[in-house]
Structures are given as C-alpha cells and as structure tokens.
C-alpha cells in the first residue's frame, strides 16, 4: 500500500511540475518575471512561517518527548 501512495504522490508532483513548466514557457517574458517574483516572495514567506513554527532543535525535541 505504501508503494501505491508514493507512486501517486510522484505522479502528482510530476504533473504539477509539468504544468508549471508549460505555463512558464507559454507566457511572455514580462508576465513570467512578475509571476516568478510573486512565487519567490510566497516561498520566502512560507520559509519564514515554517522557521517560526518549527523548534530549533527538532532532534532533541523528538528524543525528549
């Protein structure tokens, strides 16, 4: 059952990457740059949010709980 889940996840990730590449290749340069800037900002925000929510030393948190 775990193999099926990994296969489905890999297919979904591949489809998402393929759709993103297709979108980027079919848009004009200015729109692509604007969208990439927005995406980079969203990723940076997500990294900051995850950094705040995650303990600094996850390993010690796991072993001490």
C-alpha atoms as a PDB file:
ATOM      1  CA  UNK A   1       0.000   0.000   0.000  1.00  0.00           C
ATOM      2  CA  UNK A   2       2.866   2.408   0.760  1.00  0.00           C
ATOM      3  CA  UNK A   3       4.273   1.890  -2.720  1.00  0.00           C
ATOM      4  CA  UNK A   4       0.941   2.926  -4.248  1.00  0.00           C
ATOM      5  CA  UNK A   5       0.920   6.113  -2.201  1.00  0.00           C
ATOM      6  CA  UNK A   6       4.461   7.001  -3.241  1.00  0.00           C
ATOM      7  CA  UNK A   7       3.623   6.314  -6.879  1.00  0.00           C
ATOM      8  CA  UNK A   8       0.534   8.523  -6.764  1.00  0.00           C
ATOM      9  CA  UNK A   9       2.471  11.283  -4.996  1.00  0.00           C
ATOM     10  CA  UNK A  10       5.237  11.104  -7.604  1.00  0.00           C
ATOM     11  CA  UNK A  11       2.680  11.320 -10.416  1.00  0.00           C
ATOM     12  CA  UNK A  12       1.003  14.348  -8.823  1.00  0.00           C
ATOM     13  CA  UNK A  13       4.314  16.121  -8.287  1.00  0.00           C
ATOM     14  CA  UNK A  14       5.340  15.352 -11.875  1.00  0.00           C
ATOM     15  CA  UNK A  15       2.052  16.706 -13.192  1.00  0.00           C
ATOM     16  CA  UNK A  16       2.428  19.889 -11.130  1.00  0.00           C
ATOM     17  CA  UNK A  17       5.991  20.428 -12.362  1.00  0.00           C
ATOM     18  CA  UNK A  18       4.927  19.776 -15.957  1.00  0.00           C
ATOM     19  CA  UNK A  19       2.045  22.227 -15.704  1.00  0.00           C
ATOM     20  CA  UNK A  20       4.330  24.870 -14.199  1.00  0.00           C
ATOM     21  CA  UNK A  21       6.959  24.468 -16.904  1.00  0.00           C
ATOM     22  CA  UNK A  22       4.307  24.613 -19.622  1.00  0.00           C
ATOM     23  CA  UNK A  23       2.808  27.758 -18.116  1.00  0.00           C
ATOM     24  CA  UNK A  24       6.192  29.441 -17.841  1.00  0.00           C
ATOM     25  CA  UNK A  25       7.138  28.599 -21.406  1.00  0.00           C
ATOM     26  CA  UNK A  26       3.868  29.836 -22.883  1.00  0.00           C
ATOM     27  CA  UNK A  27       3.690  33.220 -21.125  1.00  0.00           C
ATOM     28  CA  UNK A  28       5.512  36.321 -22.282  1.00  0.00           C
ATOM     29  CA  UNK A  29       8.718  37.391 -20.570  1.00  0.00           C
ATOM     30  CA  UNK A  30       7.264  40.264 -18.515  1.00  0.00           C
ATOM     31  CA  UNK A  31       4.356  38.223 -17.147  1.00  0.00           C
ATOM     32  CA  UNK A  32       6.715  35.329 -16.397  1.00  0.00           C
ATOM     33  CA  UNK A  33       9.051  37.635 -14.441  1.00  0.00           C
ATOM     34  CA  UNK A  34       6.158  39.076 -12.423  1.00  0.00           C
ATOM     35  CA  UNK A  35       4.832  35.609 -11.613  1.00  0.00           C
ATOM     36  CA  UNK A  36       8.268  34.306 -10.658  1.00  0.00           C
ATOM     37  CA  UNK A  37       8.760  37.279  -8.328  1.00  0.00           C
ATOM     38  CA  UNK A  38       5.401  36.564  -6.683  1.00  0.00           C
ATOM     39  CA  UNK A  39       6.298  32.886  -6.348  1.00  0.00           C
ATOM     40  CA  UNK A  40       9.681  33.692  -4.807  1.00  0.00           C
ATOM     41  CA  UNK A  41       8.006  36.009  -2.285  1.00  0.00           C
ATOM     42  CA  UNK A  42       5.435  33.354  -1.353  1.00  0.00           C
ATOM     43  CA  UNK A  43       8.175  30.744  -0.881  1.00  0.00           C
ATOM     44  CA  UNK A  44      10.188  33.141   1.289  1.00  0.00           C
ATOM     45  CA  UNK A  45       7.097  33.865   3.408  1.00  0.00           C
ATOM     46  CA  UNK A  46       6.429  30.148   3.784  1.00  0.00           C
ATOM     47  CA  UNK A  47      10.030  29.504   4.844  1.00  0.00           C
ATOM     48  CA  UNK A  48       9.779  32.229   7.486  1.00  0.00           C
ATOM     49  CA  UNK A  49       6.496  30.860   8.765  1.00  0.00           C
ATOM     50  CA  UNK A  50       7.868  27.332   8.978  1.00  0.00           C
ATOM     51  CA  UNK A  51      11.018  28.569  10.700  1.00  0.00           C
ATOM     52  CA  UNK A  52       8.906  30.283  13.371  1.00  0.00           C
ATOM     53  CA  UNK A  53       6.673  27.250  13.931  1.00  0.00           C
ATOM     54  CA  UNK A  54       9.459  24.656  13.980  1.00  0.00           C
ATOM     55  CA  UNK A  55      11.587  24.186  17.087  1.00  0.00           C
ATOM     56  CA  UNK A  56      15.260  24.988  16.587  1.00  0.00           C
ATOM     57  CA  UNK A  57      16.464  21.559  17.630  1.00  0.00           C
ATOM     58  CA  UNK A  58      13.951  19.087  16.227  1.00  0.00           C
ATOM     59  CA  UNK A  59      16.119  16.061  17.026  1.00  0.00           C
ATOM     60  CA  UNK A  60      16.250  16.817  20.752  1.00  0.00           C
ATOM     61  CA  UNK A  61      12.521  17.606  20.717  1.00  0.00           C
ATOM     62  CA  UNK A  62      11.775  14.162  19.257  1.00  0.00           C
ATOM     63  CA  UNK A  63      14.045  12.257  21.642  1.00  0.00           C
ATOM     64  CA  UNK A  64      12.969  14.173  24.741  1.00  0.00           C
ATOM     65  CA  UNK A  65       9.239  13.845  24.184  1.00  0.00           C
END
